[in-house]
Amino acid sequence: MQGERLDVAELGDRGVPGDRRWGVRDLASGKVLSAKREGRLLQAEARLDGDRPLVRLPDGTELAGMGRATDAALTGWLGSEVSLVEAEPDERPRYEMPIDFEDDGSPLYEFGSSVGTFHDSSPVHLLTTASLRAARALHREGAWDERRFRPTVLIDVAGTDFVEDAWVGAEVAAGSARFRVRRPCDRCVMTTRAQPGLPRDLDVLRSLTRAHEGSLGVLASVAVGGEITLGDEVTVL
């Protein structure tokens, strides 16, 4: 679903508290839904209220926390029996996505995530404004809005280069937190999905695949937990 902008966050081993802590499970298959397969999820919003998730459906209906009422509303909206669930500590959730990002009717590819969370792979995704400008040059008609790419931290960097590619293997400090950059972030069908204010655009992923090996931004783990505040300086160590 659409995420929430934060001015301050205290990051731990699994990134921002609450991030990918809950998911919508398809009860027939046992798989966790993602906009990789069910693009309608991006039409809904999710945010935290203390320690519980709040969901706002496209028609304005607000759902507070887990439970029968929430499950019934989500089931009615999506048209299949689903449940809002919290990741189990020892669970490795399974997802599905179409093999061909241009064809939602293509065969489904199944993959797993990290244990005890609904993160695809890494708890932190770093993206710079410089990379967004570099990508925009590949497809000038596209809307290269950061919401398409769902970064944990968006970093303001001058220029028009994919600067964070050079950070792989390094540590990055932001506020009192430090991240260990693992690898480039390979992009998928999520970047092409429509969401409020952004149309479906297959050329976003086509252009990244053609010119930048299909990646944008980098994935990282949390080396040292700490607080990040909007406006903090970011340093590559």
Protein backbone atom coordinates (compact mmCIF):
# COMPACT_ATOMS: atom_id res chain seq x y z
CA MET A 1 0.00 0.00 0.00
CA GLN A 2 1.01 3.64 -0.11
CA GLY A 3 3.44 4.47 2.65
CA GLU A 4 3.77 7.21 5.22
CA ARG A 5 6.23 10.11 5.21
CA LEU A 6 8.08 10.57 8.49
CA ASP A 7 10.03 13.56 9.78
CA VAL A 8 11.85 11.42 12.36
CA ALA A 9 12.39 7.69 12.85
CA GLU A 10 14.31 5.50 15.29
CA LEU A 11 15.78 2.67 13.23
CA GLY A 12 16.55 -0.78 14.59
CA ASP A 13 17.84 -4.02 13.09
CA ARG A 14 14.76 -4.29 10.87
CA GLY A 15 14.73 -0.69 9.76
CA VAL A 16 11.88 1.65 10.57
CA PRO A 17 9.66 0.18 13.33
CA GLY A 18 6.41 -1.05 11.83
CA ASP A 19 7.70 -1.06 8.25
CA ARG A 20 6.50 -4.28 6.55
CA ARG A 21 5.38 -5.61 9.93
CA TRP A 22 1.85 -6.31 8.65
CA GLY A 23 0.59 -7.79 5.41
CA VAL A 24 -2.57 -8.88 3.62
CA ARG A 25 -2.65 -12.68 3.37
CA ASP A 26 -4.67 -14.54 0.75
CA LEU A 27 -6.35 -17.26 2.82
CA ALA A 28 -6.81 -19.71 -0.07
CA SER A 29 -3.13 -19.84 -1.05
CA GLY A 30 -1.49 -18.74 2.19
CA LYS A 31 0.61 -16.28 0.19
CA VAL A 32 1.08 -12.66 1.25
CA LEU A 33 -0.28 -10.22 -1.31
CA SER A 34 1.96 -7.58 -2.80
CA ALA A 35 1.34 -4.93 -5.42
CA LYS A 36 3.78 -6.99 -7.48
CA ARG A 37 0.80 -9.27 -8.07
CA GLU A 38 -2.21 -7.28 -6.84
CA GLY A 39 -1.69 -3.75 -8.13
CA ARG A 40 -4.86 -2.46 -6.47
CA LEU A 41 -3.07 -2.46 -3.11
CA LEU A 42 -1.31 0.76 -4.14
CA GLN A 43 -4.67 2.52 -4.25
CA ALA A 44 -4.94 2.11 -0.46
CA GLU A 45 -2.95 3.91 2.24
CA ALA A 46 -1.33 2.54 5.39
CA ARG A 47 0.11 4.34 8.40
CA LEU A 48 0.81 3.74 12.07
CA ASP A 49 -1.30 4.88 15.00
CA GLY A 50 0.88 4.11 18.00
CA ASP A 51 1.47 0.38 17.64
CA ARG A 52 -1.39 -0.53 15.32
CA PRO A 53 -1.80 -0.18 11.56
CA LEU A 54 -4.45 2.04 10.03
CA VAL A 55 -5.63 1.36 6.48
CA ARG A 56 -7.58 3.78 4.30
CA LEU A 57 -9.33 2.21 1.31
CA PRO A 58 -9.82 4.09 -1.99
CA ASP A 59 -13.44 4.92 -1.09
CA GLY A 60 -12.28 6.61 2.13
CA THR A 61 -13.19 3.76 4.49
CA GLU A 62 -10.73 3.66 7.41
CA LEU A 63 -9.81 0.36 9.04
CA ALA A 64 -8.20 0.32 12.48
CA GLY A 65 -5.92 -2.60 13.34
CA MET A 66 -6.44 -6.29 12.73
CA GLY A 67 -9.72 -8.13 13.25
CA ARG A 68 -12.91 -9.37 11.64
CA ALA A 69 -14.17 -5.96 10.54
CA THR A 70 -10.88 -5.13 8.84
CA ASP A 71 -10.71 -8.55 7.16
CA ALA A 72 -14.31 -8.26 5.92
CA ALA A 73 -13.69 -4.82 4.43
CA LEU A 74 -10.47 -5.92 2.72
CA THR A 75 -12.16 -9.07 1.41
CA GLY A 76 -15.06 -7.05 0.01
CA TRP A 77 -12.70 -4.60 -1.66
CA LEU A 78 -10.35 -7.15 -3.25
CA GLY A 79 -13.01 -9.75 -4.03
CA SER A 80 -11.20 -12.70 -2.43
CA GLU A 81 -10.94 -13.86 1.17
CA VAL A 82 -7.99 -12.14 2.82
CA SER A 83 -6.82 -11.23 6.30
CA LEU A 84 -4.61 -8.47 7.70
CA VAL A 85 -1.89 -10.31 9.63
CA GLU A 86 1.28 -9.55 11.55
CA ALA A 87 4.49 -11.32 10.54
CA GLU A 88 5.26 -14.29 12.78
CA PRO A 89 8.76 -14.30 14.36
CA ASP A 90 9.76 -17.62 12.71
CA GLU A 91 7.81 -17.21 9.46
CA ARG A 92 9.38 -16.81 6.03
CA PRO A 93 6.46 -15.41 4.02
CA ARG A 94 5.93 -16.34 0.37
CA TYR A 95 4.90 -13.96 -2.41
CA GLU A 96 3.97 -14.22 -6.08
CA MET A 97 4.54 -11.94 -9.06
CA PRO A 98 4.10 -12.31 -12.83
CA ILE A 99 7.19 -13.49 -14.69
CA ASP A 100 6.59 -10.88 -17.41
CA PHE A 101 6.19 -7.40 -15.88
CA GLU A 102 4.34 -6.28 -19.01
CA ASP A 103 1.70 -9.02 -18.72
CA ASP A 104 -0.15 -9.55 -15.43
CA GLY A 105 -1.64 -12.71 -16.95
CA SER A 106 1.78 -14.36 -17.41
CA PRO A 107 2.78 -17.31 -15.18
CA LEU A 108 3.46 -16.45 -11.55
CA TYR A 109 6.92 -16.58 -9.99
CA GLU A 110 7.03 -17.46 -6.28
CA PHE A 111 9.66 -16.09 -3.92
CA GLY A 112 10.28 -15.74 -0.20
CA SER A 113 11.24 -12.89 2.10
CA SER A 114 13.23 -12.42 5.27
CA VAL A 115 12.27 -14.40 8.38
CA GLY A 116 9.85 -12.63 10.70
CA THR A 117 9.09 -9.68 8.42
CA PHE A 118 7.35 -8.84 5.17
CA HIS A 119 10.44 -7.15 3.72
CA ASP A 120 11.34 -8.58 0.32
CA SER A 121 15.04 -8.77 1.12
CA SER A 122 16.65 -5.87 2.99
CA PRO A 123 15.23 -3.64 5.74
CA VAL A 124 16.58 -0.41 4.22
CA HIS A 125 16.44 1.04 0.71
CA LEU A 126 18.45 4.21 0.03
CA LEU A 127 17.71 6.39 -3.00
CA THR A 128 19.17 9.75 -4.04
CA THR A 129 17.61 12.64 -5.91
CA ALA A 130 20.65 12.52 -8.23
CA SER A 131 19.69 9.01 -9.34
CA LEU A 132 16.10 10.09 -9.91
CA ARG A 133 17.36 12.87 -12.21
CA ALA A 134 19.67 10.43 -14.01
CA ALA A 135 16.77 8.03 -14.52
CA ARG A 136 14.48 10.82 -15.72
CA ALA A 137 16.92 11.47 -18.58
CA LEU A 138 16.24 7.90 -19.77
CA HIS A 139 12.49 8.46 -20.07
CA ARG A 140 11.62 12.14 -20.00
CA GLU A 141 7.88 11.64 -20.41
CA GLY A 142 7.72 9.53 -17.25
CA ALA A 143 6.81 10.61 -13.71
CA TRP A 144 9.95 9.74 -11.72
CA ASP A 145 8.32 10.28 -8.37
CA GLU A 146 10.00 8.67 -5.34
CA ARG A 147 6.68 7.03 -4.44
CA ARG A 148 7.19 4.61 -7.33
CA PHE A 149 10.39 3.34 -5.72
CA ARG A 150 9.43 3.32 -2.02
CA PRO A 151 12.79 4.24 -0.46
CA THR A 152 13.28 4.06 3.29
CA VAL A 153 15.44 7.18 3.06
CA LEU A 154 15.45 9.69 0.18
CA ILE A 155 18.77 11.56 0.13
CA ASP A 156 19.18 14.96 -1.51
CA VAL A 157 22.35 14.84 -3.65
CA ALA A 158 23.38 17.27 -6.38
CA GLY A 159 24.05 16.16 -9.94
CA THR A 160 22.58 13.72 -12.44
CA ASP A 161 24.53 10.52 -11.77
CA PHE A 162 23.59 7.19 -10.19
CA VAL A 163 25.85 8.13 -7.29
CA GLU A 164 24.80 5.48 -4.78
CA ASP A 165 26.02 2.70 -7.08
CA ALA A 166 29.50 3.52 -5.75
CA TRP A 167 28.37 3.05 -2.14
CA VAL A 168 28.06 -0.76 -2.37
CA GLY A 169 30.32 -2.26 0.30
CA ALA A 170 30.56 1.02 2.21
CA GLU A 171 28.81 2.31 5.32
CA VAL A 172 26.56 5.34 5.26
CA ALA A 173 25.86 7.48 8.33
CA ALA A 174 22.63 9.46 8.72
CA GLY A 175 21.75 11.06 12.02
CA SER A 176 22.90 8.62 14.70
CA ALA A 177 22.22 5.57 12.49
CA ARG A 178 24.64 3.76 10.19
CA PHE A 179 23.82 1.55 7.23
CA ARG A 180 25.89 -1.11 5.48
CA VAL A 181 25.19 -0.95 1.75
CA ARG A 182 24.81 -4.45 0.32
CA ARG A 183 23.89 -4.22 -3.37
CA PRO A 184 22.00 -2.30 -6.03
CA CYS A 185 18.21 -2.46 -5.76
CA ASP A 186 16.85 -4.50 -8.66
CA ARG A 187 13.53 -3.06 -9.79
CA CYS A 188 10.36 -4.97 -10.68
CA VAL A 189 6.76 -4.49 -11.81
CA MET A 190 6.03 -2.40 -8.67
CA THR A 191 7.69 0.62 -10.31
CA THR A 192 5.22 0.50 -13.20
CA ARG A 193 2.02 0.30 -11.14
CA ALA A 194 -0.56 3.06 -11.04
CA GLN A 195 -1.22 4.81 -7.76
CA PRO A 196 -2.99 8.08 -6.88
CA GLY A 197 -1.34 10.82 -8.92
CA LEU A 198 0.87 8.41 -10.87
CA PRO A 199 -0.25 6.52 -14.00
CA ARG A 200 0.79 3.02 -14.99
CA ASP A 201 4.05 3.34 -16.94
CA LEU A 202 5.85 0.29 -18.29
CA ASP A 203 8.58 2.50 -19.76
CA VAL A 204 9.89 3.26 -16.28
CA LEU A 205 11.15 -0.32 -15.91
CA ARG A 206 11.91 -0.75 -19.60
CA SER A 207 14.29 2.23 -19.53
CA LEU A 208 16.04 1.10 -16.32
CA THR A 209 16.44 -2.40 -17.74
CA ARG A 210 17.84 -1.08 -21.00
CA ALA A 211 20.26 1.51 -19.60
CA HIS A 212 21.03 0.64 -15.97
CA GLU A 213 20.76 -3.13 -15.57
CA GLY A 214 17.29 -2.76 -14.11
CA SER A 215 18.43 -1.18 -10.84
CA LEU A 216 17.82 2.11 -9.05
CA GLY A 217 19.05 2.92 -5.56
CA VAL A 218 20.76 0.50 -3.17
CA LEU A 219 19.73 -1.98 -0.48
CA ALA A 220 21.29 -1.88 2.97
CA SER A 221 21.20 -3.35 6.45
CA VAL A 222 21.33 -1.42 9.71
CA ALA A 223 24.89 -1.50 11.05
CA VAL A 224 24.13 0.77 14.03
CA GLY A 225 20.60 1.62 15.09
CA GLY A 226 19.75 5.25 15.72
CA GLU A 227 17.54 8.21 14.99
CA ILE A 228 17.18 9.93 11.63
CA THR A 229 15.53 13.33 11.32
CA LEU A 230 14.48 15.15 8.18
CA GLY A 231 17.38 17.42 7.22
CA ASP A 232 20.16 15.31 8.79
CA GLU A 233 23.45 15.25 6.94
CA VAL A 234 24.32 11.96 5.26
CA THR A 235 27.94 10.82 5.02
CA VAL A 236 29.48 7.93 3.07
CA LEU A 237 32.20 6.47 5.30
